[in-house]
PDB file of N, CA and C in Angstrom:
ATOM      1  N   UNK A   1       0.845  -1.177   0.000  1.00  0.00           N
ATOM      2  CA  UNK A   1       0.000   0.000   0.000  1.00  0.00           C
ATOM      3  C   UNK A   1       0.889   1.238   0.000  1.00  0.00           C
ATOM      4  N   UNK A   2       0.534   2.198  -0.851  1.00  0.00           N
ATOM      5  CA  UNK A   2       1.282   3.448  -0.940  1.00  0.00           C
ATOM      6  C   UNK A   2       0.905   4.363   0.221  1.00  0.00           C
ATOM      7  N   UNK A   3       1.899   4.929   0.889  1.00  0.00           N
ATOM      8  CA  UNK A   3       1.672   5.869   1.985  1.00  0.00           C
ATOM      9  C   UNK A   3       2.207   7.226   1.552  1.00  0.00           C
ATOM     10  N   UNK A   4       1.349   8.232   1.535  1.00  0.00           N
ATOM     11  CA  UNK A   4       1.734   9.570   1.102  1.00  0.00           C
ATOM     12  C   UNK A   4       2.195  10.407   2.284  1.00  0.00           C
ATOM     13  N   UNK A   5       3.107  11.323   2.020  1.00  0.00           N
ATOM     14  CA  UNK A   5       3.602  12.235   3.043  1.00  0.00           C
ATOM     15  C   UNK A   5       2.751  13.496   3.137  1.00  0.00           C
ATOM     16  N   UNK A   6       2.038  13.856   2.050  1.00  0.00           N
ATOM     17  CA  UNK A   6       1.171  15.029   2.055  1.00  0.00           C
ATOM     18  C   UNK A   6       0.052  14.826   1.040  1.00  0.00           C
ATOM     19  N   UNK A   7      -0.989  15.666   1.120  1.00  0.00           N
ATOM     20  CA  UNK A   7      -2.092  15.582   0.166  1.00  0.00           C
ATOM     21  C   UNK A   7      -1.622  15.809  -1.263  1.00  0.00           C
ATOM     22  N   UNK A   8      -0.618  16.640  -1.423  1.00  0.00           N
ATOM     23  CA  UNK A   8      -0.089  16.933  -2.749  1.00  0.00           C
ATOM     24  C   UNK A   8       0.394  15.655  -3.433  1.00  0.00           C
ATOM     25  N   UNK A   9       0.946  14.741  -2.659  1.00  0.00           N
ATOM     26  CA  UNK A   9       1.437  13.480  -3.210  1.00  0.00           C
ATOM     27  C   UNK A   9       0.311  12.601  -3.751  1.00  0.00           C
ATOM     28  N   UNK A  10      -0.908  12.881  -3.357  1.00  0.00           N
ATOM     29  CA  UNK A  10      -2.049  12.066  -3.783  1.00  0.00           C
ATOM     30  C   UNK A  10      -2.730  12.583  -5.044  1.00  0.00           C
ATOM     31  N   UNK A  11      -2.343  13.771  -5.503  1.00  0.00           N
ATOM     32  CA  UNK A  11      -2.948  14.345  -6.711  1.00  0.00           C
ATOM     33  C   UNK A  11      -2.375  13.623  -7.921  1.00  0.00           C
ATOM     34  N   UNK A  12      -3.245  13.228  -8.818  1.00  0.00           N
ATOM     35  CA  UNK A  12      -2.812  12.489 -10.000  1.00  0.00           C
ATOM     36  C   UNK A  12      -2.815  10.998  -9.721  1.00  0.00           C
ATOM     37  N   UNK A  13      -2.272  10.227 -10.632  1.00  0.00           N
ATOM     38  CA  UNK A  13      -2.289   8.762 -10.531  1.00  0.00           C
ATOM     39  C   UNK A  13      -3.700   8.264 -10.229  1.00  0.00           C
ATOM     40  N   UNK A  14      -4.688   8.906 -10.835  1.00  0.00           N
ATOM     41  CA  UNK A  14      -6.082   8.561 -10.604  1.00  0.00           C
ATOM     42  C   UNK A  14      -6.355   7.149 -11.099  1.00  0.00           C
ATOM     43  N   UNK A  15      -6.970   6.316 -10.277  1.00  0.00           N
ATOM     44  CA  UNK A  15      -7.219   4.933 -10.708  1.00  0.00           C
ATOM     45  C   UNK A  15      -8.227   4.856 -11.856  1.00  0.00           C
ATOM     46  N   UNK A  16      -8.040   3.836 -12.689  1.00  0.00           N
ATOM     47  CA  UNK A  16      -8.947   3.552 -13.793  1.00  0.00           C
ATOM     48  C   UNK A  16      -9.692   2.261 -13.493  1.00  0.00           C
ATOM     49  N   UNK A  17     -10.935   2.193 -13.932  1.00  0.00           N
ATOM     50  CA  UNK A  17     -11.760   1.005 -13.728  1.00  0.00           C
ATOM     51  C   UNK A  17     -12.315   0.568 -15.073  1.00  0.00           C
ATOM     52  N   UNK A  18     -12.107  -0.689 -15.412  1.00  0.00           N
ATOM     53  CA  UNK A  18     -12.665  -1.219 -16.655  1.00  0.00           C
ATOM     54  C   UNK A  18     -14.179  -1.347 -16.496  1.00  0.00           C
ATOM     55  N   UNK A  19     -14.924  -0.818 -17.450  1.00  0.00           N
ATOM     56  CA  UNK A  19     -16.391  -0.818 -17.394  1.00  0.00           C
ATOM     57  C   UNK A  19     -16.946  -1.944 -18.262  1.00  0.00           C
ATOM     58  N   UNK A  20     -16.511  -3.151 -17.966  1.00  0.00           N
ATOM     59  CA  UNK A  20     -16.829  -4.319 -18.794  1.00  0.00           C
ATOM     60  C   UNK A  20     -18.327  -4.630 -18.823  1.00  0.00           C
ATOM     61  N   UNK A  21     -18.990  -4.563 -17.696  1.00  0.00           N
ATOM     62  CA  UNK A  21     -20.427  -4.896 -17.676  1.00  0.00           C
ATOM     63  C   UNK A  21     -21.264  -3.873 -18.425  1.00  0.00           C
ATOM     64  N   UNK A  22     -20.885  -2.614 -18.352  1.00  0.00           N
ATOM     65  CA  UNK A  22     -21.641  -1.568 -19.038  1.00  0.00           C
ATOM     66  C   UNK A  22     -21.426  -1.591 -20.546  1.00  0.00           C
ATOM     67  N   UNK A  23     -20.274  -2.066 -20.979  1.00  0.00           N
ATOM     68  CA  UNK A  23     -19.930  -2.019 -22.390  1.00  0.00           C
ATOM     69  C   UNK A  23     -19.605  -3.407 -22.938  1.00  0.00           C
ATOM     70  N   UNK A  24     -20.420  -4.403 -22.580  1.00  0.00           N
ATOM     71  CA  UNK A  24     -20.230  -5.762 -23.099  1.00  0.00           C
ATOM     72  C   UNK A  24     -20.350  -5.747 -24.617  1.00  0.00           C
ATOM     73  N   UNK A  25     -19.434  -6.415 -25.263  1.00  0.00           N
ATOM     74  CA  UNK A  25     -19.479  -6.499 -26.714  1.00  0.00           C
ATOM     75  C   UNK A  25     -18.902  -5.287 -27.422  1.00  0.00           C
ATOM     76  N   UNK A  26     -18.430  -4.309 -26.691  1.00  0.00           N
ATOM     77  CA  UNK A  26     -17.840  -3.120 -27.321  1.00  0.00           C
ATOM     78  C   UNK A  26     -16.555  -3.515 -28.043  1.00  0.00           C
ATOM     79  N   UNK A  27     -16.259  -2.882 -29.167  1.00  0.00           N
ATOM     80  CA  UNK A  27     -15.056  -3.235 -29.917  1.00  0.00           C
ATOM     81  C   UNK A  27     -13.751  -2.760 -29.253  1.00  0.00           C
ATOM     82  N   UNK A  28     -13.878  -1.992 -28.201  1.00  0.00           N
ATOM     83  CA  UNK A  28     -12.696  -1.498 -27.488  1.00  0.00           C
ATOM     84  C   UNK A  28     -12.914  -1.637 -25.986  1.00  0.00           C
ATOM     85  N   UNK A  29     -11.846  -1.638 -25.254  1.00  0.00           N
ATOM     86  CA  UNK A  29     -11.936  -1.661 -23.794  1.00  0.00           C
ATOM     87  C   UNK A  29     -12.284  -0.251 -23.328  1.00  0.00           C
ATOM     88  N   UNK A  30     -13.333  -0.118 -22.515  1.00  0.00           N
ATOM     89  CA  UNK A  30     -13.783   1.194 -22.031  1.00  0.00           C
ATOM     90  C   UNK A  30     -13.424   1.305 -20.552  1.00  0.00           C
ATOM     91  N   UNK A  31     -12.762   2.408 -20.205  1.00  0.00           N
ATOM     92  CA  UNK A  31     -12.310   2.636 -18.833  1.00  0.00           C
ATOM     93  C   UNK A  31     -12.972   3.881 -18.265  1.00  0.00           C
ATOM     94  N   UNK A  32     -13.216   3.862 -16.964  1.00  0.00           N
ATOM     95  CA  UNK A  32     -13.703   5.039 -16.250  1.00  0.00           C
ATOM     96  C   UNK A  32     -12.605   5.542 -15.337  1.00  0.00           C
ATOM     97  N   UNK A  33     -12.391   6.842 -15.327  1.00  0.00           N
ATOM     98  CA  UNK A  33     -11.377   7.438 -14.465  1.00  0.00           C
ATOM     99  C   UNK A  33     -12.048   7.860 -13.164  1.00  0.00           C
ATOM    100  N   UNK A  34     -11.574   7.366 -12.046  1.00  0.00           N
ATOM    101  CA  UNK A  34     -12.206   7.563 -10.739  1.00  0.00           C
ATOM    102  C   UNK A  34     -11.641   8.799 -10.040  1.00  0.00           C
ATOM    103  N   UNK A  35     -12.030   9.965 -10.546  1.00  0.00           N
ATOM    104  CA  UNK A  35     -11.507  11.229 -10.021  1.00  0.00           C
ATOM    105  C   UNK A  35     -11.863  11.455  -8.561  1.00  0.00           C
ATOM    106  N   UNK A  36     -12.932  10.826  -8.076  1.00  0.00           N
ATOM    107  CA  UNK A  36     -13.310  11.033  -6.677  1.00  0.00           C
ATOM    108  C   UNK A  36     -12.290  10.449  -5.710  1.00  0.00           C
ATOM    109  N   UNK A  37     -11.281   9.733  -6.209  1.00  0.00           N
ATOM    110  CA  UNK A  37     -10.198   9.260  -5.352  1.00  0.00           C
ATOM    111  C   UNK A  37      -9.126  10.332  -5.140  1.00  0.00           C
ATOM    112  N   UNK A  38      -9.204  11.454  -5.847  1.00  0.00           N
ATOM    113  CA  UNK A  38      -8.289  12.568  -5.609  1.00  0.00           C
ATOM    114  C   UNK A  38      -8.625  13.197  -4.252  1.00  0.00           C
ATOM    115  N   UNK A  39      -7.678  13.886  -3.623  1.00  0.00           N
ATOM    116  CA  UNK A  39      -7.903  14.434  -2.283  1.00  0.00           C
ATOM    117  C   UNK A  39      -9.142  15.319  -2.133  1.00  0.00           C
ATOM    118  N   UNK A  40      -9.440  16.158  -3.118  1.00  0.00           N
ATOM    119  CA  UNK A  40     -10.640  17.000  -3.036  1.00  0.00           C
ATOM    120  C   UNK A  40     -11.776  16.416  -3.872  1.00  0.00           C
ATOM    121  N   UNK A  41     -11.635  15.142  -4.226  1.00  0.00           N
ATOM    122  CA  UNK A  41     -12.670  14.390  -4.958  1.00  0.00           C
ATOM    123  C   UNK A  41     -12.989  14.974  -6.322  1.00  0.00           C
ATOM    124  N   UNK A  42     -12.004  15.500  -7.005  1.00  0.00           N
ATOM    125  CA  UNK A  42     -12.292  16.194  -8.257  1.00  0.00           C
ATOM    126  C   UNK A  42     -11.108  16.178  -9.207  1.00  0.00           C
ATOM    127  N   UNK A  43     -11.401  16.250 -10.496  1.00  0.00           N
ATOM    128  CA  UNK A  43     -10.374  16.427 -11.512  1.00  0.00           C
ATOM    129  C   UNK A  43      -9.688  17.781 -11.333  1.00  0.00           C
ATOM    130  N   UNK A  44     -10.352  18.694 -10.649  1.00  0.00           N
ATOM    131  CA  UNK A  44      -9.816  20.046 -10.452  1.00  0.00           C
ATOM    132  C   UNK A  44      -8.649  20.084  -9.471  1.00  0.00           C
ATOM    133  N   UNK A  45      -8.367  18.977  -8.814  1.00  0.00           N
ATOM    134  CA  UNK A  45      -7.201  18.923  -7.931  1.00  0.00           C
ATOM    135  C   UNK A  45      -5.931  19.271  -8.699  1.00  0.00           C
ATOM    136  N   UNK A  46      -5.795  18.708  -9.895  1.00  0.00           N
ATOM    137  CA  UNK A  46      -4.608  18.972 -10.701  1.00  0.00           C
ATOM    138  C   UNK A  46      -4.522  20.455 -11.076  1.00  0.00           C
ATOM    139  N   UNK A  47      -5.673  21.045 -11.406  1.00  0.00           N
ATOM    140  CA  UNK A  47      -5.712  22.461 -11.780  1.00  0.00           C
ATOM    141  C   UNK A  47      -5.260  23.338 -10.611  1.00  0.00           C
ATOM    142  N   UNK A  48      -5.831  23.092  -9.435  1.00  0.00           N
ATOM    143  CA  UNK A  48      -5.474  23.888  -8.255  1.00  0.00           C
ATOM    144  C   UNK A  48      -4.005  23.766  -7.905  1.00  0.00           C
ATOM    145  N   UNK A  49      -3.495  22.548  -7.921  1.00  0.00           N
ATOM    146  CA  UNK A  49      -2.086  22.318  -7.613  1.00  0.00           C
ATOM    147  C   UNK A  49      -1.198  23.000  -8.650  1.00  0.00           C
ATOM    148  N   UNK A  50      -1.575  22.891  -9.908  1.00  0.00           N
ATOM    149  CA  UNK A  50      -0.801  23.513 -10.983  1.00  0.00           C
ATOM    150  C   UNK A  50      -0.762  25.032 -10.837  1.00  0.00           C
ATOM    151  N   UNK A  51      -1.894  25.654 -10.465  1.00  0.00           N
ATOM    152  CA  UNK A  51      -1.938  27.107 -10.290  1.00  0.00           C
ATOM    153  C   UNK A  51      -1.004  27.556  -9.174  1.00  0.00           C
ATOM    154  N   UNK A  52      -1.017  26.834  -8.060  1.00  0.00           N
ATOM    155  CA  UNK A  52      -0.167  27.201  -6.923  1.00  0.00           C
ATOM    156  C   UNK A  52       1.302  27.007  -7.271  1.00  0.00           C
ATOM    157  N   UNK A  53       1.626  25.892  -7.913  1.00  0.00           N
ATOM    158  CA  UNK A  53       3.024  25.632  -8.265  1.00  0.00           C
ATOM    159  C   UNK A  53       3.547  26.659  -9.279  1.00  0.00           C
ATOM    160  N   UNK A  54       2.711  27.039 -10.251  1.00  0.00           N
ATOM    161  CA  UNK A  54       3.113  28.055 -11.233  1.00  0.00           C
ATOM    162  C   UNK A  54       3.352  29.403 -10.550  1.00  0.00           C
ATOM    163  N   UNK A  55       2.499  29.760  -9.604  1.00  0.00           N
ATOM    164  CA  UNK A  55       2.663  31.024  -8.874  1.00  0.00           C
ATOM    165  C   UNK A  55       3.944  31.002  -8.044  1.00  0.00           C
ATOM    166  N   UNK A  56       4.281  29.851  -7.469  1.00  0.00           N
ATOM    167  CA  UNK A  56       5.530  29.738  -6.708  1.00  0.00           C
ATOM    168  C   UNK A  56       6.744  29.862  -7.630  1.00  0.00           C
ATOM    169  N   UNK A  57       6.698  29.171  -8.759  1.00  0.00           N
ATOM    170  CA  UNK A  57       7.826  29.225  -9.708  1.00  0.00           C
ATOM    171  C   UNK A  57       8.061  30.638 -10.245  1.00  0.00           C
ATOM    172  N   UNK A  58       6.978  31.356 -10.495  1.00  0.00           N
ATOM    173  CA  UNK A  58       7.101  32.704 -11.060  1.00  0.00           C
ATOM    174  C   UNK A  58       7.473  33.750 -10.004  1.00  0.00           C
ATOM    175  N   UNK A  59       7.398  33.365  -8.739  1.00  0.00           N
ATOM    176  CA  UNK A  59       7.705  34.304  -7.669  1.00  0.00           C
ATOM    177  C   UNK A  59       6.505  35.123  -7.212  1.00  0.00           C
ATOM    178  N   UNK A  60       5.340  34.894  -7.820  1.00  0.00           N
ATOM    179  CA  UNK A  60       4.134  35.624  -7.407  1.00  0.00           C
ATOM    180  C   UNK A  60       3.626  35.143  -6.053  1.00  0.00           C
ATOM    181  N   UNK A  61       3.925  33.917  -5.705  1.00  0.00           N
ATOM    182  CA  UNK A  61       3.547  33.358  -4.408  1.00  0.00           C
ATOM    183  C   UNK A  61       4.831  32.986  -3.675  1.00  0.00           C
ATOM    184  N   UNK A  62       5.019  33.619  -2.536  1.00  0.00           N
ATOM    185  CA  UNK A  62       6.248  33.416  -1.767  1.00  0.00           C
ATOM    186  C   UNK A  62       5.907  32.818  -0.401  1.00  0.00           C
ATOM    187  N   UNK A  63       6.885  32.184   0.257  1.00  0.00           N
ATOM    188  CA  UNK A  63       6.640  31.628   1.585  1.00  0.00           C
ATOM    189  C   UNK A  63       6.074  32.682   2.532  1.00  0.00           C
ATOM    190  N   UNK A  64       5.048  32.295   3.285  1.00  0.00           N
ATOM    191  CA  UNK A  64       4.420  33.197   4.239  1.00  0.00           C
ATOM    192  C   UNK A  64       3.230  33.959   3.684  1.00  0.00           C
ATOM    193  N   UNK A  65       3.073  33.978   2.351  1.00  0.00           N
ATOM    194  CA  UNK A  65       1.930  34.664   1.745  1.00  0.00           C
ATOM    195  C   UNK A  65       0.662  33.837   1.956  1.00  0.00           C
ATOM    196  N   UNK A  66      -0.481  34.502   1.904  1.00  0.00           N
ATOM    197  CA  UNK A  66      -1.774  33.844   2.076  1.00  0.00           C
ATOM    198  C   UNK A  66      -2.533  33.854   0.759  1.00  0.00           C
ATOM    199  N   UNK A  67      -3.107  32.717   0.387  1.00  0.00           N
ATOM    200  CA  UNK A  67      -3.958  32.630  -0.789  1.00  0.00           C
ATOM    201  C   UNK A  67      -5.379  32.937  -0.339  1.00  0.00           C
ATOM    202  N   UNK A  68      -6.029  33.883  -1.006  1.00  0.00           N
ATOM    203  CA  UNK A  68      -7.437  34.168  -0.738  1.00  0.00           C
ATOM    204  C   UNK A  68      -8.215  33.653  -1.935  1.00  0.00           C
ATOM    205  N   UNK A  69      -9.035  32.651  -1.715  1.00  0.00           N
ATOM    206  CA  UNK A  69      -9.806  32.013  -2.780  1.00  0.00           C
ATOM    207  C   UNK A  69     -11.257  32.426  -2.639  1.00  0.00           C
ATOM    208  N   UNK A  70     -11.865  33.011  -3.675  1.00  0.00           N
ATOM    209  CA  UNK A  70     -13.204  33.563  -3.556  1.00  0.00           C
ATOM    210  C   UNK A  70     -14.351  32.560  -3.664  1.00  0.00           C
ATOM    211  N   UNK A  71     -14.062  31.292  -3.617  1.00  0.00           N
ATOM    212  CA  UNK A  71     -15.137  30.307  -3.721  1.00  0.00           C
ATOM    213  C   UNK A  71     -14.909  29.168  -2.731  1.00  0.00           C
ATOM    214  N   UNK A  72     -15.957  28.537  -2.334  1.00  0.00           N
ATOM    215  CA  UNK A  72     -15.846  27.352  -1.479  1.00  0.00           C
ATOM    216  C   UNK A  72     -16.117  26.088  -2.284  1.00  0.00           C
ATOM    217  N   UNK A  73     -16.229  26.230  -3.579  1.00  0.00           N
ATOM    218  CA  UNK A  73     -16.454  25.061  -4.430  1.00  0.00           C
ATOM    219  C   UNK A  73     -15.124  24.366  -4.697  1.00  0.00           C
ATOM    220  N   UNK A  74     -15.110  23.427  -5.625  1.00  0.00           N
ATOM    221  CA  UNK A  74     -13.937  22.586  -5.818  1.00  0.00           C
ATOM    222  C   UNK A  74     -12.666  23.349  -6.143  1.00  0.00           C
ATOM    223  N   UNK A  75     -12.729  24.353  -7.022  1.00  0.00           N
ATOM    224  CA  UNK A  75     -11.511  25.112  -7.313  1.00  0.00           C
ATOM    225  C   UNK A  75     -11.026  25.841  -6.071  1.00  0.00           C
ATOM    226  N   UNK A  76     -11.931  26.202  -5.177  1.00  0.00           N
ATOM    227  CA  UNK A  76     -11.547  26.881  -3.952  1.00  0.00           C
ATOM    228  C   UNK A  76     -10.833  25.962  -2.982  1.00  0.00           C
ATOM    229  N   UNK A  77     -11.197  24.702  -2.981  1.00  0.00           N
ATOM    230  CA  UNK A  77     -10.557  23.751  -2.074  1.00  0.00           C
ATOM    231  C   UNK A  77      -9.166  23.363  -2.542  1.00  0.00           C
ATOM    232  N   UNK A  78      -8.973  23.268  -3.839  1.00  0.00           N
ATOM    233  CA  UNK A  78      -7.729  22.715  -4.375  1.00  0.00           C
ATOM    234  C   UNK A  78      -6.482  23.548  -4.103  1.00  0.00           C
ATOM    235  N   UNK A  79      -6.492  24.874  -4.301  1.00  0.00           N
ATOM    236  CA  UNK A  79      -5.265  25.616  -3.991  1.00  0.00           C
ATOM    237  C   UNK A  79      -4.878  25.500  -2.526  1.00  0.00           C
ATOM    238  N   UNK A  80      -5.844  25.382  -1.652  1.00  0.00           N
ATOM    239  CA  UNK A  80      -5.560  25.269  -0.229  1.00  0.00           C
ATOM    240  C   UNK A  80      -4.875  23.974   0.153  1.00  0.00           C
ATOM    241  N   UNK A  81      -5.065  22.936  -0.642  1.00  0.00           N
ATOM    242  CA  UNK A  81      -4.406  21.660  -0.361  1.00  0.00           C
ATOM    243  C   UNK A  81      -2.894  21.820  -0.415  1.00  0.00           C
ATOM    244  N   UNK A  82      -2.403  22.575  -1.376  1.00  0.00           N
ATOM    245  CA  UNK A  82      -0.971  22.703  -1.617  1.00  0.00           C
ATOM    246  C   UNK A  82      -0.363  23.752  -0.714  1.00  0.00           C
ATOM    247  N   UNK A  83      -1.132  24.757  -0.381  1.00  0.00           N
ATOM    248  CA  UNK A  83      -0.563  25.872   0.374  1.00  0.00           C
ATOM    249  C   UNK A  83      -0.639  25.619   1.878  1.00  0.00           C
ATOM    250  N   UNK A  84       0.123  26.377   2.608  1.00  0.00           N
ATOM    251  CA  UNK A  84       0.075  26.282   4.065  1.00  0.00           C
ATOM    252  C   UNK A  84      -0.949  27.244   4.631  1.00  0.00           C
ATOM    253  N   UNK A  85      -1.246  28.319   3.885  1.00  0.00           N
ATOM    254  CA  UNK A  85      -2.201  29.327   4.340  1.00  0.00           C
ATOM    255  C   UNK A  85      -3.148  29.656   3.200  1.00  0.00           C
ATOM    256  N   UNK A  86      -4.404  29.313   3.361  1.00  0.00           N
ATOM    257  CA  UNK A  86      -5.395  29.618   2.335  1.00  0.00           C
ATOM    258  C   UNK A  86      -6.676  30.052   3.031  1.00  0.00           C
ATOM    259  N   UNK A  87      -7.228  31.170   2.600  1.00  0.00           N
ATOM    260  CA  UNK A  87      -8.460  31.683   3.178  1.00  0.00           C
ATOM    261  C   UNK A  87      -9.526  31.616   2.110  1.00  0.00           C
ATOM    262  N   UNK A  88     -10.634  30.928   2.393  1.00  0.00           N
ATOM    263  CA  UNK A  88     -11.739  30.853   1.445  1.00  0.00           C
ATOM    264  C   UNK A  88     -12.822  31.845   1.836  1.00  0.00           C
ATOM    265  N   UNK A  89     -13.461  32.422   0.842  1.00  0.00           N
ATOM    266  CA  UNK A  89     -14.583  33.330   1.094  1.00  0.00           C
ATOM    267  C   UNK A  89     -15.790  32.800   0.366  1.00  0.00           C
ATOM    268  N   UNK A  90     -16.991  33.188   0.798  1.00  0.00           N
ATOM    269  CA  UNK A  90     -18.186  32.715   0.099  1.00  0.00           C
ATOM    270  C   UNK A  90     -18.909  33.855  -0.560  1.00  0.00           C
TER     271      UNK A  90
END
């Protein structure tokens, strides 16, 4: 069993499930991507993590700064996973 050191380590590597019963007789193997296994239960985890990492690389986000996210929906949860300080507003 894989043990992660942080939530960031769990983003990506989303498991795939073969949908054999739903697509019996299909000419190709059909897979479902189980995004709800991501830390914030969404494909948007990658987007949020990518935004924070890009801001860090560019120098726009520096240690000690606070991210203020204007939503409590999925995009609002994702940047907070990567950061140490994130304030959500509704």
